[in-house]
């Protein structure tokens, strides 16, 4: 747990969080859990697979995107 409450977390270049096996993703999990609201930004054209997109959406709204199979 971060221990510092965040009102709003803005993540630029959010596509770097798409790989759940990285330290960058783990940092994203920690920060989004500490934030009341989160906004992901990326100006990079993305060609994400379903799993990558699910991973990003799961970070933003885990209660809405809890299962890859249902996604």
PDB file of N, CA and C in Angstrom:
ATOM      1  N   UNK A   1       0.841  -1.183   0.000  1.00  0.00           N
ATOM      2  CA  UNK A   1       0.000   0.000   0.000  1.00  0.00           C
ATOM      3  C   UNK A   1       0.882   1.241   0.000  1.00  0.00           C
ATOM      4  N   UNK A   2       0.427   2.263  -0.701  1.00  0.00           N
ATOM      5  CA  UNK A   2       1.205   3.486  -0.877  1.00  0.00           C
ATOM      6  C   UNK A   2       1.208   4.337   0.379  1.00  0.00           C
ATOM      7  N   UNK A   3       0.087   4.445   1.059  1.00  0.00           N
ATOM      8  CA  UNK A   3       0.017   5.243   2.276  1.00  0.00           C
ATOM      9  C   UNK A   3      -0.197   6.721   2.034  1.00  0.00           C
ATOM     10  N   UNK A   4      -0.205   7.146   0.777  1.00  0.00           N
ATOM     11  CA  UNK A   4      -0.445   8.538   0.431  1.00  0.00           C
ATOM     12  C   UNK A   4      -1.722   8.583  -0.401  1.00  0.00           C
ATOM     13  N   UNK A   5      -2.787   9.214   0.108  1.00  0.00           N
ATOM     14  CA  UNK A   5      -4.024   9.268  -0.677  1.00  0.00           C
ATOM     15  C   UNK A   5      -3.869  10.221  -1.861  1.00  0.00           C
ATOM     16  N   UNK A   6      -4.367   9.801  -3.001  1.00  0.00           N
ATOM     17  CA  UNK A   6      -4.323  10.631  -4.202  1.00  0.00           C
ATOM     18  C   UNK A   6      -5.761  10.939  -4.637  1.00  0.00           C
ATOM     19  N   UNK A   7      -6.041  12.208  -4.900  1.00  0.00           N
ATOM     20  CA  UNK A   7      -7.359  12.573  -5.412  1.00  0.00           C
ATOM     21  C   UNK A   7      -7.490  12.160  -6.870  1.00  0.00           C
ATOM     22  N   UNK A   8      -6.485  12.492  -7.668  1.00  0.00           N
ATOM     23  CA  UNK A   8      -6.520  12.211  -9.098  1.00  0.00           C
ATOM     24  C   UNK A   8      -5.143  11.753  -9.546  1.00  0.00           C
ATOM     25  N   UNK A   9      -5.102  10.640 -10.207  1.00  0.00           N
ATOM     26  CA  UNK A   9      -3.874  10.112 -10.795  1.00  0.00           C
ATOM     27  C   UNK A   9      -3.985  10.243 -12.311  1.00  0.00           C
ATOM     28  N   UNK A  10      -3.035  10.924 -12.935  1.00  0.00           N
ATOM     29  CA  UNK A  10      -2.983  11.051 -14.388  1.00  0.00           C
ATOM     30  C   UNK A  10      -1.744  10.303 -14.859  1.00  0.00           C
ATOM     31  N   UNK A  11      -1.935   9.303 -15.712  1.00  0.00           N
ATOM     32  CA  UNK A  11      -0.836   8.484 -16.216  1.00  0.00           C
ATOM     33  C   UNK A  11      -0.671   8.766 -17.705  1.00  0.00           C
ATOM     34  N   UNK A  12       0.418   9.438 -18.063  1.00  0.00           N
ATOM     35  CA  UNK A  12       0.731   9.663 -19.468  1.00  0.00           C
ATOM     36  C   UNK A  12       1.489   8.448 -19.992  1.00  0.00           C
ATOM     37  N   UNK A  13       1.357   8.168 -21.267  1.00  0.00           N
ATOM     38  CA  UNK A  13       1.980   6.989 -21.882  1.00  0.00           C
ATOM     39  C   UNK A  13       1.515   5.717 -21.180  1.00  0.00           C
ATOM     40  N   UNK A  14       0.225   5.663 -20.910  1.00  0.00           N
ATOM     41  CA  UNK A  14      -0.364   4.561 -20.139  1.00  0.00           C
ATOM     42  C   UNK A  14      -0.210   3.203 -20.812  1.00  0.00           C
ATOM     43  N   UNK A  15       0.053   3.193 -22.101  1.00  0.00           N
ATOM     44  CA  UNK A  15       0.212   1.903 -22.788  1.00  0.00           C
ATOM     45  C   UNK A  15       1.385   1.099 -22.231  1.00  0.00           C
ATOM     46  N   UNK A  16       2.303   1.753 -21.518  1.00  0.00           N
ATOM     47  CA  UNK A  16       3.404   1.019 -20.895  1.00  0.00           C
ATOM     48  C   UNK A  16       2.947   0.134 -19.734  1.00  0.00           C
ATOM     49  N   UNK A  17       1.718   0.313 -19.280  1.00  0.00           N
ATOM     50  CA  UNK A  17       1.191  -0.490 -18.175  1.00  0.00           C
ATOM     51  C   UNK A  17       0.516  -1.773 -18.649  1.00  0.00           C
ATOM     52  N   UNK A  18       0.491  -2.017 -19.946  1.00  0.00           N
ATOM     53  CA  UNK A  18      -0.313  -3.107 -20.511  1.00  0.00           C
ATOM     54  C   UNK A  18       0.219  -4.503 -20.201  1.00  0.00           C
ATOM     55  N   UNK A  19       1.488  -4.639 -19.861  1.00  0.00           N
ATOM     56  CA  UNK A  19       2.070  -5.955 -19.591  1.00  0.00           C
ATOM     57  C   UNK A  19       2.048  -6.230 -18.092  1.00  0.00           C
ATOM     58  N   UNK A  20       1.183  -7.139 -17.670  1.00  0.00           N
ATOM     59  CA  UNK A  20       0.990  -7.420 -16.242  1.00  0.00           C
ATOM     60  C   UNK A  20       2.206  -8.043 -15.571  1.00  0.00           C
ATOM     61  N   UNK A  21       3.205  -8.458 -16.332  1.00  0.00           N
ATOM     62  CA  UNK A  21       4.389  -9.107 -15.755  1.00  0.00           C
ATOM     63  C   UNK A  21       5.550  -8.138 -15.520  1.00  0.00           C
ATOM     64  N   UNK A  22       5.289  -6.834 -15.544  1.00  0.00           N
ATOM     65  CA  UNK A  22       6.377  -5.857 -15.414  1.00  0.00           C
ATOM     66  C   UNK A  22       6.273  -5.067 -14.107  1.00  0.00           C
ATOM     67  N   UNK A  23       7.386  -4.498 -13.716  1.00  0.00           N
ATOM     68  CA  UNK A  23       7.400  -3.616 -12.548  1.00  0.00           C
ATOM     69  C   UNK A  23       6.587  -2.357 -12.814  1.00  0.00           C
ATOM     70  N   UNK A  24       6.565  -1.914 -14.048  1.00  0.00           N
ATOM     71  CA  UNK A  24       5.774  -0.736 -14.415  1.00  0.00           C
ATOM     72  C   UNK A  24       4.293  -0.989 -14.143  1.00  0.00           C
ATOM     73  N   UNK A  25       3.807  -2.164 -14.500  1.00  0.00           N
ATOM     74  CA  UNK A  25       2.406  -2.516 -14.236  1.00  0.00           C
ATOM     75  C   UNK A  25       2.147  -2.583 -12.732  1.00  0.00           C
ATOM     76  N   UNK A  26       3.051  -3.186 -11.997  1.00  0.00           N
ATOM     77  CA  UNK A  26       2.879  -3.283 -10.539  1.00  0.00           C
ATOM     78  C   UNK A  26       2.818  -1.888  -9.903  1.00  0.00           C
ATOM     79  N   UNK A  27       3.634  -0.954 -10.419  1.00  0.00           N
ATOM     80  CA  UNK A  27       3.563   0.429  -9.945  1.00  0.00           C
ATOM     81  C   UNK A  27       2.195   1.019 -10.277  1.00  0.00           C
ATOM     82  N   UNK A  28       1.691   0.737 -11.481  1.00  0.00           N
ATOM     83  CA  UNK A  28       0.361   1.209 -11.870  1.00  0.00           C
ATOM     84  C   UNK A  28      -0.720   0.691 -10.946  1.00  0.00           C
ATOM     85  N   UNK A  29      -0.628  -0.564 -10.559  1.00  0.00           N
ATOM     86  CA  UNK A  29      -1.595  -1.150  -9.621  1.00  0.00           C
ATOM     87  C   UNK A  29      -1.553  -0.411  -8.289  1.00  0.00           C
ATOM     88  N   UNK A  30      -0.362  -0.193  -7.769  1.00  0.00           N
ATOM     89  CA  UNK A  30      -0.207   0.493  -6.488  1.00  0.00           C
ATOM     90  C   UNK A  30      -0.774   1.903  -6.545  1.00  0.00           C
ATOM     91  N   UNK A  31      -0.458   2.629  -7.605  1.00  0.00           N
ATOM     92  CA  UNK A  31      -0.921   4.011  -7.717  1.00  0.00           C
ATOM     93  C   UNK A  31      -2.428   4.104  -7.946  1.00  0.00           C
ATOM     94  N   UNK A  32      -2.973   3.245  -8.803  1.00  0.00           N
ATOM     95  CA  UNK A  32      -4.423   3.312  -9.045  1.00  0.00           C
ATOM     96  C   UNK A  32      -5.211   2.905  -7.799  1.00  0.00           C
ATOM     97  N   UNK A  33      -4.669   1.991  -7.010  1.00  0.00           N
ATOM     98  CA  UNK A  33      -5.336   1.614  -5.759  1.00  0.00           C
ATOM     99  C   UNK A  33      -5.345   2.757  -4.755  1.00  0.00           C
ATOM    100  N   UNK A  34      -4.357   3.638  -4.821  1.00  0.00           N
ATOM    101  CA  UNK A  34      -4.256   4.762  -3.891  1.00  0.00           C
ATOM    102  C   UNK A  34      -5.065   5.972  -4.354  1.00  0.00           C
ATOM    103  N   UNK A  35      -5.517   5.973  -5.602  1.00  0.00           N
ATOM    104  CA  UNK A  35      -6.187   7.148  -6.171  1.00  0.00           C
ATOM    105  C   UNK A  35      -7.707   7.029  -6.112  1.00  0.00           C
ATOM    106  N   UNK A  36      -8.351   8.171  -5.871  1.00  0.00           N
ATOM    107  CA  UNK A  36      -9.812   8.220  -5.937  1.00  0.00           C
ATOM    108  C   UNK A  36     -10.292   8.133  -7.381  1.00  0.00           C
ATOM    109  N   UNK A  37      -9.540   8.723  -8.303  1.00  0.00           N
ATOM    110  CA  UNK A  37      -9.883   8.703  -9.730  1.00  0.00           C
ATOM    111  C   UNK A  37      -8.594   8.594 -10.537  1.00  0.00           C
ATOM    112  N   UNK A  38      -8.679   7.907 -11.678  1.00  0.00           N
ATOM    113  CA  UNK A  38      -7.499   7.698 -12.519  1.00  0.00           C
ATOM    114  C   UNK A  38      -7.844   8.003 -13.966  1.00  0.00           C
ATOM    115  N   UNK A  39      -6.905   8.652 -14.647  1.00  0.00           N
ATOM    116  CA  UNK A  39      -7.048   8.972 -16.058  1.00  0.00           C
ATOM    117  C   UNK A  39      -5.817   8.456 -16.783  1.00  0.00           C
ATOM    118  N   UNK A  40      -6.027   7.626 -17.804  1.00  0.00           N
ATOM    119  CA  UNK A  40      -4.929   7.124 -18.628  1.00  0.00           C
ATOM    120  C   UNK A  40      -4.881   7.920 -19.917  1.00  0.00           C
ATOM    121  N   UNK A  41      -3.680   8.355 -20.296  1.00  0.00           N
ATOM    122  CA  UNK A  41      -3.460   9.092 -21.534  1.00  0.00           C
ATOM    123  C   UNK A  41      -2.411   8.387 -22.367  1.00  0.00           C
ATOM    124  N   UNK A  42      -2.567   8.461 -23.673  1.00  0.00           N
ATOM    125  CA  UNK A  42      -1.544   7.965 -24.583  1.00  0.00           C
ATOM    126  C   UNK A  42      -1.822   8.534 -25.967  1.00  0.00           C
ATOM    127  N   UNK A  43      -0.850   9.230 -26.540  1.00  0.00           N
ATOM    128  CA  UNK A  43      -0.990   9.756 -27.898  1.00  0.00           C
ATOM    129  C   UNK A  43      -0.407   8.777 -28.911  1.00  0.00           C
ATOM    130  N   UNK A  44       0.174   7.705 -28.417  1.00  0.00           N
ATOM    131  CA  UNK A  44       0.775   6.703 -29.288  1.00  0.00           C
ATOM    132  C   UNK A  44      -0.315   5.829 -29.890  1.00  0.00           C
ATOM    133  N   UNK A  45      -0.350   5.717 -31.216  1.00  0.00           N
ATOM    134  CA  UNK A  45      -1.331   4.791 -31.807  1.00  0.00           C
ATOM    135  C   UNK A  45      -1.057   3.370 -31.313  1.00  0.00           C
ATOM    136  N   UNK A  46      -2.078   2.757 -30.776  1.00  0.00           N
ATOM    137  CA  UNK A  46      -1.900   1.440 -30.166  1.00  0.00           C
ATOM    138  C   UNK A  46      -2.482   0.348 -31.043  1.00  0.00           C
ATOM    139  N   UNK A  47      -1.784  -0.739 -31.085  1.00  0.00           N
ATOM    140  CA  UNK A  47      -2.288  -1.943 -31.723  1.00  0.00           C
ATOM    141  C   UNK A  47      -2.247  -3.036 -30.665  1.00  0.00           C
ATOM    142  N   UNK A  48      -3.174  -2.916 -29.738  1.00  0.00           N
ATOM    143  CA  UNK A  48      -3.212  -3.823 -28.599  1.00  0.00           C
ATOM    144  C   UNK A  48      -4.030  -5.063 -28.921  1.00  0.00           C
ATOM    145  N   UNK A  49      -3.591  -6.156 -28.354  1.00  0.00           N
ATOM    146  CA  UNK A  49      -4.406  -7.362 -28.389  1.00  0.00           C
ATOM    147  C   UNK A  49      -5.463  -7.268 -27.306  1.00  0.00           C
ATOM    148  N   UNK A  50      -6.406  -8.188 -27.315  1.00  0.00           N
ATOM    149  CA  UNK A  50      -7.475  -8.181 -26.322  1.00  0.00           C
ATOM    150  C   UNK A  50      -6.940  -8.251 -24.898  1.00  0.00           C
ATOM    151  N   UNK A  51      -5.919  -9.061 -24.674  1.00  0.00           N
ATOM    152  CA  UNK A  51      -5.368  -9.199 -23.323  1.00  0.00           C
ATOM    153  C   UNK A  51      -4.758  -7.880 -22.853  1.00  0.00           C
ATOM    154  N   UNK A  52      -4.022  -7.184 -23.733  1.00  0.00           N
ATOM    155  CA  UNK A  52      -3.407  -5.908 -23.355  1.00  0.00           C
ATOM    156  C   UNK A  52      -4.475  -4.868 -23.017  1.00  0.00           C
ATOM    157  N   UNK A  53      -5.499  -4.781 -23.844  1.00  0.00           N
ATOM    158  CA  UNK A  53      -6.580  -3.830 -23.590  1.00  0.00           C
ATOM    159  C   UNK A  53      -7.310  -4.185 -22.300  1.00  0.00           C
ATOM    160  N   UNK A  54      -7.576  -5.469 -22.085  1.00  0.00           N
ATOM    161  CA  UNK A  54      -8.215  -5.902 -20.848  1.00  0.00           C
ATOM    162  C   UNK A  54      -7.369  -5.508 -19.639  1.00  0.00           C
ATOM    163  N   UNK A  55      -6.062  -5.689 -19.707  1.00  0.00           N
ATOM    164  CA  UNK A  55      -5.173  -5.354 -18.597  1.00  0.00           C
ATOM    165  C   UNK A  55      -5.274  -3.880 -18.239  1.00  0.00           C
ATOM    166  N   UNK A  56      -5.300  -3.010 -19.238  1.00  0.00           N
ATOM    167  CA  UNK A  56      -5.427  -1.569 -18.982  1.00  0.00           C
ATOM    168  C   UNK A  56      -6.793  -1.230 -18.388  1.00  0.00           C
ATOM    169  N   UNK A  57      -7.846  -1.798 -18.952  1.00  0.00           N
ATOM    170  CA  UNK A  57      -9.185  -1.519 -18.441  1.00  0.00           C
ATOM    171  C   UNK A  57      -9.381  -2.083 -17.040  1.00  0.00           C
ATOM    172  N   UNK A  58      -8.772  -3.218 -16.761  1.00  0.00           N
ATOM    173  CA  UNK A  58      -8.849  -3.810 -15.426  1.00  0.00           C
ATOM    174  C   UNK A  58      -8.184  -2.910 -14.391  1.00  0.00           C
ATOM    175  N   UNK A  59      -7.118  -2.218 -14.779  1.00  0.00           N
ATOM    176  CA  UNK A  59      -6.482  -1.260 -13.865  1.00  0.00           C
ATOM    177  C   UNK A  59      -7.417  -0.087 -13.571  1.00  0.00           C
ATOM    178  N   UNK A  60      -8.123   0.379 -14.586  1.00  0.00           N
ATOM    179  CA  UNK A  60      -9.010   1.527 -14.415  1.00  0.00           C
ATOM    180  C   UNK A  60     -10.285   1.178 -13.654  1.00  0.00           C
ATOM    181  N   UNK A  61     -10.866   0.029 -13.971  1.00  0.00           N
ATOM    182  CA  UNK A  61     -12.155  -0.335 -13.368  1.00  0.00           C
ATOM    183  C   UNK A  61     -12.203  -1.842 -13.123  1.00  0.00           C
ATOM    184  N   UNK A  62     -11.496  -2.319 -12.105  1.00  0.00           N
ATOM    185  CA  UNK A  62     -11.445  -3.769 -11.858  1.00  0.00           C
ATOM    186  C   UNK A  62     -12.807  -4.372 -11.566  1.00  0.00           C
ATOM    187  N   UNK A  63     -13.720  -3.592 -11.006  1.00  0.00           N
ATOM    188  CA  UNK A  63     -15.058  -4.124 -10.726  1.00  0.00           C
ATOM    189  C   UNK A  63     -15.865  -4.340 -12.008  1.00  0.00           C
ATOM    190  N   UNK A  64     -15.545  -3.611 -13.058  1.00  0.00           N
ATOM    191  CA  UNK A  64     -16.235  -3.742 -14.344  1.00  0.00           C
ATOM    192  C   UNK A  64     -15.555  -4.760 -15.261  1.00  0.00           C
ATOM    193  N   UNK A  65     -14.234  -4.874 -15.141  1.00  0.00           N
ATOM    194  CA  UNK A  65     -13.444  -5.741 -16.013  1.00  0.00           C
ATOM    195  C   UNK A  65     -12.645  -6.722 -15.154  1.00  0.00           C
ATOM    196  N   UNK A  66     -13.358  -7.637 -14.512  1.00  0.00           N
ATOM    197  CA  UNK A  66     -12.718  -8.556 -13.582  1.00  0.00           C
ATOM    198  C   UNK A  66     -12.313  -9.878 -14.204  1.00  0.00           C
ATOM    199  N   UNK A  67     -12.833 -10.172 -15.401  1.00  0.00           N
ATOM    200  CA  UNK A  67     -12.572 -11.464 -16.001  1.00  0.00           C
ATOM    201  C   UNK A  67     -12.235 -11.308 -17.483  1.00  0.00           C
ATOM    202  N   UNK A  68     -11.082 -11.828 -17.876  1.00  0.00           N
ATOM    203  CA  UNK A  68     -10.679 -11.790 -19.284  1.00  0.00           C
ATOM    204  C   UNK A  68     -11.659 -12.580 -20.128  1.00  0.00           C
ATOM    205  N   UNK A  69     -12.150 -13.687 -19.622  1.00  0.00           N
ATOM    206  CA  UNK A  69     -13.083 -14.514 -20.377  1.00  0.00           C
ATOM    207  C   UNK A  69     -14.382 -13.771 -20.694  1.00  0.00           C
ATOM    208  N   UNK A  70     -14.897 -13.021 -19.720  1.00  0.00           N
ATOM    209  CA  UNK A  70     -16.118 -12.248 -19.938  1.00  0.00           C
ATOM    210  C   UNK A  70     -15.872 -11.037 -20.823  1.00  0.00           C
ATOM    211  N   UNK A  71     -14.652 -10.503 -20.762  1.00  0.00           N
ATOM    212  CA  UNK A  71     -14.286  -9.356 -21.578  1.00  0.00           C
ATOM    213  C   UNK A  71     -14.322  -9.741 -23.049  1.00  0.00           C
TER     214      UNK A  71
END
